[in-house]
Amino acid sequence: MRVRVNEAPEKGKANAALIKLLAREWNIPRSRLSVVRGQKNRRKSVLVHGEPSRLLSTLQGWVKQHVEGD
Protein backbone atom coordinates (compact mmCIF):
# COMPACT_ATOMS: atom_id res chain seq x y z
CA MET A 1 0.00 0.00 0.00
CA ARG A 2 1.28 3.48 -0.75
CA VAL A 3 0.67 6.14 1.90
CA ARG A 4 1.79 9.76 2.11
CA VAL A 5 1.98 11.94 5.18
CA ASN A 6 2.88 15.61 5.47
CA GLU A 7 5.18 15.35 8.47
CA ALA A 8 8.92 15.76 8.04
CA PRO A 9 11.01 12.59 8.31
CA GLU A 10 12.82 13.80 11.42
CA LYS A 11 12.75 12.53 14.98
CA GLY A 12 10.08 9.95 14.14
CA LYS A 13 7.44 12.53 13.15
CA ALA A 14 6.62 10.85 9.83
CA ASN A 15 6.37 7.43 11.50
CA ALA A 16 4.02 8.84 14.15
CA ALA A 17 1.91 10.47 11.44
CA LEU A 18 1.72 7.17 9.56
CA ILE A 19 0.57 5.32 12.68
CA LYS A 20 -2.02 8.01 13.41
CA LEU A 21 -3.32 7.88 9.83
CA LEU A 22 -3.61 4.10 9.74
CA ALA A 23 -5.25 3.96 13.16
CA ARG A 24 -7.85 6.50 12.08
CA GLU A 25 -8.50 4.82 8.73
CA TRP A 26 -8.79 1.33 10.20
CA ASN A 27 -10.56 2.50 13.37
CA ILE A 28 -8.14 0.76 15.71
CA PRO A 29 -6.14 2.20 18.63
CA ARG A 30 -2.70 3.63 17.78
CA SER A 31 -1.24 1.46 20.52
CA ARG A 32 -1.95 -1.59 18.35
CA LEU A 33 0.23 -0.36 15.49
CA SER A 34 4.00 -0.15 15.31
CA VAL A 35 6.61 0.41 12.64
CA VAL A 36 8.77 -2.72 12.78
CA ARG A 37 10.97 -2.15 9.75
CA GLY A 38 12.07 0.95 7.90
CA GLN A 39 11.99 3.46 10.73
CA LYS A 40 14.48 5.61 8.80
CA ASN A 41 13.42 4.58 5.31
CA ARG A 42 10.55 5.40 2.97
CA ARG A 43 9.56 1.74 2.81
CA LYS A 44 8.11 0.54 6.08
CA SER A 45 6.57 -2.54 7.59
CA VAL A 46 3.83 -1.97 10.12
CA LEU A 47 2.79 -4.58 12.67
CA VAL A 48 -0.87 -4.63 13.69
CA HIS A 49 -1.50 -6.20 17.10
CA GLY A 50 -4.81 -7.82 17.95
CA GLU A 51 -7.08 -10.77 17.46
CA PRO A 52 -6.33 -12.07 13.93
CA SER A 53 -9.85 -12.84 12.72
CA ARG A 54 -11.16 -9.48 13.91
CA LEU A 55 -8.25 -7.61 12.29
CA LEU A 56 -8.73 -9.55 9.07
CA SER A 57 -12.40 -8.61 8.98
CA THR A 58 -11.60 -4.95 9.64
CA LEU A 59 -8.88 -4.76 7.01
CA GLN A 60 -10.86 -6.67 4.40
CA GLY A 61 -13.77 -4.26 4.88
CA TRP A 62 -11.43 -1.30 4.50
CA VAL A 63 -9.88 -2.72 1.32
CA LYS A 64 -13.29 -3.43 -0.15
CA GLN A 65 -14.44 0.12 0.55
CA HIS A 66 -11.27 1.99 -0.47
CA VAL A 67 -9.38 -0.11 -2.98
CA GLU A 68 -11.76 -2.40 -4.77
CA GLY A 69 -14.27 0.42 -5.26
CA ASP A 70 -11.86 2.35 -7.54
PDB file of N, CA and C in Angstrom:
ATOM      1  N   MET A   1       0.848  -1.151   0.000  1.00  0.00           N
ATOM      2  CA  MET A   1       0.000   0.000   0.000  1.00  0.00           C
ATOM      3  C   MET A   1       0.906   1.231   0.000  1.00  0.00           C
ATOM      4  N   ARG A   2       0.525   2.227  -0.711  1.00  0.00           N
ATOM      5  CA  ARG A   2       1.283   3.477  -0.748  1.00  0.00           C
ATOM      6  C   ARG A   2       0.534   4.525   0.069  1.00  0.00           C
ATOM      7  N   VAL A   3       1.259   5.144   1.004  1.00  0.00           N
ATOM      8  CA  VAL A   3       0.675   6.143   1.896  1.00  0.00           C
ATOM      9  C   VAL A   3       1.591   7.353   1.926  1.00  0.00           C
ATOM     10  N   ARG A   4       0.999   8.527   1.969  1.00  0.00           N
ATOM     11  CA  ARG A   4       1.786   9.758   2.111  1.00  0.00           C
ATOM     12  C   ARG A   4       1.312  10.534   3.325  1.00  0.00           C
ATOM     13  N   VAL A   5       2.285  11.064   4.049  1.00  0.00           N
ATOM     14  CA  VAL A   5       1.983  11.943   5.183  1.00  0.00           C
ATOM     15  C   VAL A   5       2.730  13.249   4.979  1.00  0.00           C
ATOM     16  N   ASN A   6       2.277  14.292   5.642  1.00  0.00           N
ATOM     17  CA  ASN A   6       2.875  15.615   5.471  1.00  0.00           C
ATOM     18  C   ASN A   6       3.975  15.935   6.475  1.00  0.00           C
ATOM     19  N   GLU A   7       4.168  15.094   7.450  1.00  0.00           N
ATOM     20  CA  GLU A   7       5.183  15.354   8.469  1.00  0.00           C
ATOM     21  C   GLU A   7       6.590  15.130   7.916  1.00  0.00           C
ATOM     22  N   ALA A   8       7.518  15.888   8.436  1.00  0.00           N
ATOM     23  CA  ALA A   8       8.922  15.757   8.040  1.00  0.00           C
ATOM     24  C   ALA A   8       9.499  14.455   8.589  1.00  0.00           C
ATOM     25  N   PRO A   9      10.402  13.842   7.834  1.00  0.00           N
ATOM     26  CA  PRO A   9      11.010  12.594   8.310  1.00  0.00           C
ATOM     27  C   PRO A   9      12.137  12.854   9.307  1.00  0.00           C
ATOM     28  N   GLU A  10      11.818  13.508  10.387  1.00  0.00           N
ATOM     29  CA  GLU A  10      12.825  13.803  11.416  1.00  0.00           C
ATOM     30  C   GLU A  10      12.264  13.476  12.789  1.00  0.00           C
ATOM     31  N   LYS A  11      13.096  12.881  13.596  1.00  0.00           N
ATOM     32  CA  LYS A  11      12.754  12.527  14.977  1.00  0.00           C
ATOM     33  C   LYS A  11      11.475  11.698  15.082  1.00  0.00           C
ATOM     34  N   GLY A  12      11.223  10.852  14.087  1.00  0.00           N
ATOM     35  CA  GLY A  12      10.078   9.950  14.141  1.00  0.00           C
ATOM     36  C   GLY A  12       8.733  10.589  13.843  1.00  0.00           C
ATOM     37  N   LYS A  13       8.715  11.845  13.398  1.00  0.00           N
ATOM     38  CA  LYS A  13       7.442  12.533  13.147  1.00  0.00           C
ATOM     39  C   LYS A  13       6.648  11.875  12.018  1.00  0.00           C
ATOM     40  N   ALA A  14       7.317  11.488  10.951  1.00  0.00           N
ATOM     41  CA  ALA A  14       6.620  10.851   9.832  1.00  0.00           C
ATOM     42  C   ALA A  14       6.083   9.482  10.248  1.00  0.00           C
ATOM     43  N   ASN A  15       6.842   8.738  11.024  1.00  0.00           N
ATOM     44  CA  ASN A  15       6.374   7.429  11.503  1.00  0.00           C
ATOM     45  C   ASN A  15       5.143   7.591  12.386  1.00  0.00           C
ATOM     46  N   ALA A  16       5.168   8.578  13.268  1.00  0.00           N
ATOM     47  CA  ALA A  16       4.021   8.837  14.146  1.00  0.00           C
ATOM     48  C   ALA A  16       2.803   9.246  13.329  1.00  0.00           C
ATOM     49  N   ALA A  17       3.014  10.053  12.302  1.00  0.00           N
ATOM     50  CA  ALA A  17       1.908  10.473  11.438  1.00  0.00           C
ATOM     51  C   ALA A  17       1.327   9.275  10.684  1.00  0.00           C
ATOM     52  N   LEU A  18       2.183   8.371  10.251  1.00  0.00           N
ATOM     53  CA  LEU A  18       1.724   7.166   9.562  1.00  0.00           C
ATOM     54  C   LEU A  18       0.856   6.323  10.489  1.00  0.00           C
ATOM     55  N   ILE A  19       1.320   6.108  11.707  1.00  0.00           N
ATOM     56  CA  ILE A  19       0.569   5.316  12.684  1.00  0.00           C
ATOM     57  C   ILE A  19      -0.781   5.981  12.970  1.00  0.00           C
ATOM     58  N   LYS A  20      -0.780   7.278  13.138  1.00  0.00           N
ATOM     59  CA  LYS A  20      -2.020   8.012  13.405  1.00  0.00           C
ATOM     60  C   LYS A  20      -2.993   7.869  12.241  1.00  0.00           C
ATOM     61  N   LEU A  21      -2.492   8.004  11.024  1.00  0.00           N
ATOM     62  CA  LEU A  21      -3.324   7.879   9.834  1.00  0.00           C
ATOM     63  C   LEU A  21      -3.935   6.487   9.717  1.00  0.00           C
ATOM     64  N   LEU A  22      -3.110   5.462   9.851  1.00  0.00           N
ATOM     65  CA  LEU A  22      -3.613   4.096   9.736  1.00  0.00           C
ATOM     66  C   LEU A  22      -4.615   3.763  10.839  1.00  0.00           C
ATOM     67  N   ALA A  23      -4.338   4.208  12.051  1.00  0.00           N
ATOM     68  CA  ALA A  23      -5.254   3.956  13.165  1.00  0.00           C
ATOM     69  C   ALA A  23      -6.611   4.599  12.897  1.00  0.00           C
ATOM     70  N   ARG A  24      -6.595   5.803  12.381  1.00  0.00           N
ATOM     71  CA  ARG A  24      -7.850   6.500  12.079  1.00  0.00           C
ATOM     72  C   ARG A  24      -8.595   5.794  10.942  1.00  0.00           C
ATOM     73  N   GLU A  25      -7.877   5.462   9.890  1.00  0.00           N
ATOM     74  CA  GLU A  25      -8.498   4.815   8.731  1.00  0.00           C
ATOM     75  C   GLU A  25      -9.088   3.453   9.087  1.00  0.00           C
ATOM     76  N   TRP A  26      -8.361   2.682   9.858  1.00  0.00           N
ATOM     77  CA  TRP A  26      -8.785   1.329  10.198  1.00  0.00           C
ATOM     78  C   TRP A  26      -9.606   1.261  11.474  1.00  0.00           C
ATOM     79  N   ASN A  27      -9.768   2.416  12.137  1.00  0.00           N
ATOM     80  CA  ASN A  27     -10.555   2.504  13.367  1.00  0.00           C
ATOM     81  C   ASN A  27     -10.059   1.532  14.440  1.00  0.00           C
ATOM     82  N   ILE A  28      -8.746   1.561  14.647  1.00  0.00           N
ATOM     83  CA  ILE A  28      -8.140   0.761  15.711  1.00  0.00           C
ATOM     84  C   ILE A  28      -7.235   1.678  16.530  1.00  0.00           C
ATOM     85  N   PRO A  29      -6.986   1.346  17.786  1.00  0.00           N
ATOM     86  CA  PRO A  29      -6.136   2.195  18.627  1.00  0.00           C
ATOM     87  C   PRO A  29      -4.697   2.273  18.100  1.00  0.00           C
ATOM     88  N   ARG A  30      -4.096   3.446  18.214  1.00  0.00           N
ATOM     89  CA  ARG A  30      -2.702   3.633  17.784  1.00  0.00           C
ATOM     90  C   ARG A  30      -1.764   2.688  18.506  1.00  0.00           C
ATOM     91  N   SER A  31      -2.105   2.345  19.729  1.00  0.00           N
ATOM     92  CA  SER A  31      -1.238   1.463  20.519  1.00  0.00           C
ATOM     93  C   SER A  31      -1.121   0.067  19.913  1.00  0.00           C
ATOM     94  N   ARG A  32      -1.993  -0.269  18.996  1.00  0.00           N
ATOM     95  CA  ARG A  32      -1.951  -1.591  18.353  1.00  0.00           C
ATOM     96  C   ARG A  32      -1.142  -1.600  17.060  1.00  0.00           C
ATOM     97  N   LEU A  33      -0.572  -0.471  16.701  1.00  0.00           N
ATOM     98  CA  LEU A  33       0.227  -0.358  15.486  1.00  0.00           C
ATOM     99  C   LEU A  33       1.652   0.023  15.839  1.00  0.00           C
ATOM    100  N   SER A  34       2.606  -0.546  15.117  1.00  0.00           N
ATOM    101  CA  SER A  34       3.997  -0.149  15.315  1.00  0.00           C
ATOM    102  C   SER A  34       4.786  -0.364  14.026  1.00  0.00           C
ATOM    103  N   VAL A  35       5.712   0.548  13.783  1.00  0.00           N
ATOM    104  CA  VAL A  35       6.611   0.411  12.641  1.00  0.00           C
ATOM    105  C   VAL A  35       7.703  -0.560  13.072  1.00  0.00           C
ATOM    106  N   VAL A  36       7.809  -1.696  12.384  1.00  0.00           N
ATOM    107  CA  VAL A  36       8.774  -2.718  12.784  1.00  0.00           C
ATOM    108  C   VAL A  36       9.966  -2.801  11.844  1.00  0.00           C
ATOM    109  N   ARG A  37       9.858  -2.167  10.695  1.00  0.00           N
ATOM    110  CA  ARG A  37      10.972  -2.150   9.751  1.00  0.00           C
ATOM    111  C   ARG A  37      10.886  -0.873   8.935  1.00  0.00           C
ATOM    112  N   GLY A  38      12.030  -0.248   8.717  1.00  0.00           N
ATOM    113  CA  GLY A  38      12.066   0.948   7.895  1.00  0.00           C
ATOM    114  C   GLY A  38      11.851   2.235   8.657  1.00  0.00           C
ATOM    115  N   GLN A  39      12.195   2.254   9.933  1.00  0.00           N
ATOM    116  CA  GLN A  39      11.988   3.456  10.731  1.00  0.00           C
ATOM    117  C   GLN A  39      12.643   4.686  10.105  1.00  0.00           C
ATOM    118  N   LYS A  40      13.758   4.489   9.415  1.00  0.00           N
ATOM    119  CA  LYS A  40      14.477   5.606   8.795  1.00  0.00           C
ATOM    120  C   LYS A  40      14.498   5.472   7.278  1.00  0.00           C
ATOM    121  N   ASN A  41      13.490   4.839   6.734  1.00  0.00           N
ATOM    122  CA  ASN A  41      13.424   4.582   5.308  1.00  0.00           C
ATOM    123  C   ASN A  41      12.024   4.903   4.820  1.00  0.00           C
ATOM    124  N   ARG A  42      11.872   5.136   3.524  1.00  0.00           N
ATOM    125  CA  ARG A  42      10.547   5.405   2.967  1.00  0.00           C
ATOM    126  C   ARG A  42       9.679   4.152   2.972  1.00  0.00           C
ATOM    127  N   ARG A  43      10.293   3.002   2.810  1.00  0.00           N
ATOM    128  CA  ARG A  43       9.562   1.737   2.809  1.00  0.00           C
ATOM    129  C   ARG A  43       9.493   1.201   4.229  1.00  0.00           C
ATOM    130  N   LYS A  44       8.297   0.948   4.690  1.00  0.00           N
ATOM    131  CA  LYS A  44       8.106   0.542   6.075  1.00  0.00           C
ATOM    132  C   LYS A  44       7.270  -0.725   6.160  1.00  0.00           C
ATOM    133  N   SER A  45       7.442  -1.425   7.238  1.00  0.00           N
ATOM    134  CA  SER A  45       6.568  -2.540   7.587  1.00  0.00           C
ATOM    135  C   SER A  45       5.905  -2.181   8.900  1.00  0.00           C
ATOM    136  N   VAL A  46       4.604  -2.330   8.930  1.00  0.00           N
ATOM    137  CA  VAL A  46       3.827  -1.973  10.118  1.00  0.00           C
ATOM    138  C   VAL A  46       3.210  -3.248  10.682  1.00  0.00           C
ATOM    139  N   LEU A  47       3.376  -3.442  11.973  1.00  0.00           N
ATOM    140  CA  LEU A  47       2.788  -4.580  12.666  1.00  0.00           C
ATOM    141  C   LEU A  47       1.484  -4.123  13.307  1.00  0.00           C
ATOM    142  N   VAL A  48       0.429  -4.914  13.093  1.00  0.00           N
ATOM    143  CA  VAL A  48      -0.873  -4.627  13.690  1.00  0.00           C
ATOM    144  C   VAL A  48      -1.135  -5.696  14.734  1.00  0.00           C
ATOM    145  N   HIS A  49      -1.263  -5.283  15.986  1.00  0.00           N
ATOM    146  CA  HIS A  49      -1.498  -6.203  17.096  1.00  0.00           C
ATOM    147  C   HIS A  49      -2.997  -6.371  17.301  1.00  0.00           C
ATOM    148  N   GLY A  50      -3.405  -7.584  17.644  1.00  0.00           N
ATOM    149  CA  GLY A  50      -4.808  -7.821  17.952  1.00  0.00           C
ATOM    150  C   GLY A  50      -5.229  -9.219  17.587  1.00  0.00           C
ATOM    151  N   GLU A  51      -6.505  -9.465  17.747  1.00  0.00           N
ATOM    152  CA  GLU A  51      -7.076 -10.774  17.460  1.00  0.00           C
ATOM    153  C   GLU A  51      -7.150 -10.939  15.941  1.00  0.00           C
ATOM    154  N   PRO A  52      -6.475 -11.947  15.382  1.00  0.00           N
ATOM    155  CA  PRO A  52      -6.328 -12.069  13.931  1.00  0.00           C
ATOM    156  C   PRO A  52      -7.624 -12.046  13.119  1.00  0.00           C
ATOM    157  N   SER A  53      -8.626 -12.796  13.530  1.00  0.00           N
ATOM    158  CA  SER A  53      -9.846 -12.843  12.717  1.00  0.00           C
ATOM    159  C   SER A  53     -10.578 -11.499  12.720  1.00  0.00           C
ATOM    160  N   ARG A  54     -10.527 -10.805  13.834  1.00  0.00           N
ATOM    161  CA  ARG A  54     -11.162  -9.478  13.910  1.00  0.00           C
ATOM    162  C   ARG A  54     -10.404  -8.473  13.045  1.00  0.00           C
ATOM    163  N   LEU A  55      -9.061  -8.510  13.118  1.00  0.00           N
ATOM    164  CA  LEU A  55      -8.255  -7.612  12.287  1.00  0.00           C
ATOM    165  C   LEU A  55      -8.473  -7.905  10.809  1.00  0.00           C
ATOM    166  N   LEU A  56      -8.518  -9.168  10.457  1.00  0.00           N
ATOM    167  CA  LEU A  56      -8.732  -9.553   9.069  1.00  0.00           C
ATOM    168  C   LEU A  56     -10.062  -9.003   8.562  1.00  0.00           C
ATOM    169  N   SER A  57     -11.086  -9.130   9.351  1.00  0.00           N
ATOM    170  CA  SER A  57     -12.400  -8.613   8.977  1.00  0.00           C
ATOM    171  C   SER A  57     -12.361  -7.094   8.793  1.00  0.00           C
ATOM    172  N   THR A  58     -11.721  -6.406   9.718  1.00  0.00           N
ATOM    173  CA  THR A  58     -11.603  -4.947   9.644  1.00  0.00           C
ATOM    174  C   THR A  58     -10.849  -4.521   8.397  1.00  0.00           C
ATOM    175  N   LEU A  59      -9.708  -5.151   8.150  1.00  0.00           N
ATOM    176  CA  LEU A  59      -8.884  -4.758   7.011  1.00  0.00           C
ATOM    177  C   LEU A  59      -9.521  -5.149   5.680  1.00  0.00           C
ATOM    178  N   GLN A  60     -10.176  -6.282   5.627  1.00  0.00           N
ATOM    179  CA  GLN A  60     -10.862  -6.671   4.401  1.00  0.00           C
ATOM    180  C   GLN A  60     -11.985  -5.688   4.074  1.00  0.00           C
ATOM    181  N   GLY A  61     -12.716  -5.259   5.084  1.00  0.00           N
ATOM    182  CA  GLY A  61     -13.769  -4.263   4.881  1.00  0.00           C
ATOM    183  C   GLY A  61     -13.204  -2.954   4.377  1.00  0.00           C
ATOM    184  N   TRP A  62     -12.070  -2.547   4.932  1.00  0.00           N
ATOM    185  CA  TRP A  62     -11.427  -1.300   4.499  1.00  0.00           C
ATOM    186  C   TRP A  62     -10.972  -1.409   3.047  1.00  0.00           C
ATOM    187  N   VAL A  63     -10.344  -2.523   2.696  1.00  0.00           N
ATOM    188  CA  VAL A  63      -9.875  -2.717   1.324  1.00  0.00           C
ATOM    189  C   VAL A  63     -11.057  -2.704   0.359  1.00  0.00           C
ATOM    190  N   LYS A  64     -12.117  -3.384   0.720  1.00  0.00           N
ATOM    191  CA  LYS A  64     -13.295  -3.434  -0.148  1.00  0.00           C
ATOM    192  C   LYS A  64     -13.861  -2.030  -0.384  1.00  0.00           C
ATOM    193  N   GLN A  65     -13.883  -1.232   0.644  1.00  0.00           N
ATOM    194  CA  GLN A  65     -14.438   0.119   0.548  1.00  0.00           C
ATOM    195  C   GLN A  65     -13.515   1.080  -0.177  1.00  0.00           C
ATOM    196  N   HIS A  66     -12.202   0.990   0.047  1.00  0.00           N
ATOM    197  CA  HIS A  66     -11.274   1.992  -0.465  1.00  0.00           C
ATOM    198  C   HIS A  66     -10.464   1.596  -1.688  1.00  0.00           C
ATOM    199  N   VAL A  67     -10.241   0.319  -1.881  1.00  0.00           N
ATOM    200  CA  VAL A  67      -9.382  -0.112  -2.976  1.00  0.00           C
ATOM    201  C   VAL A  67     -10.190  -0.743  -4.103  1.00  0.00           C
ATOM    202  N   GLU A  68     -11.005  -1.690  -3.760  1.00  0.00           N
ATOM    203  CA  GLU A  68     -11.760  -2.399  -4.772  1.00  0.00           C
ATOM    204  C   GLU A  68     -12.832  -1.531  -5.418  1.00  0.00           C
ATOM    205  N   GLY A  69     -13.242  -0.471  -4.734  1.00  0.00           N
ATOM    206  CA  GLY A  69     -14.265   0.416  -5.264  1.00  0.00           C
ATOM    207  C   GLY A  69     -13.768   1.351  -6.339  1.00  0.00           C
ATOM    208  N   ASP A  70     -12.434   1.435  -6.544  1.00  0.00           N
ATOM    209  CA  ASP A  70     -11.863   2.347  -7.540  1.00  0.00           C
ATOM    210  C   ASP A  70     -12.034   1.851  -8.942  1.00  0.00           C
TER     211      ASP A  70
END
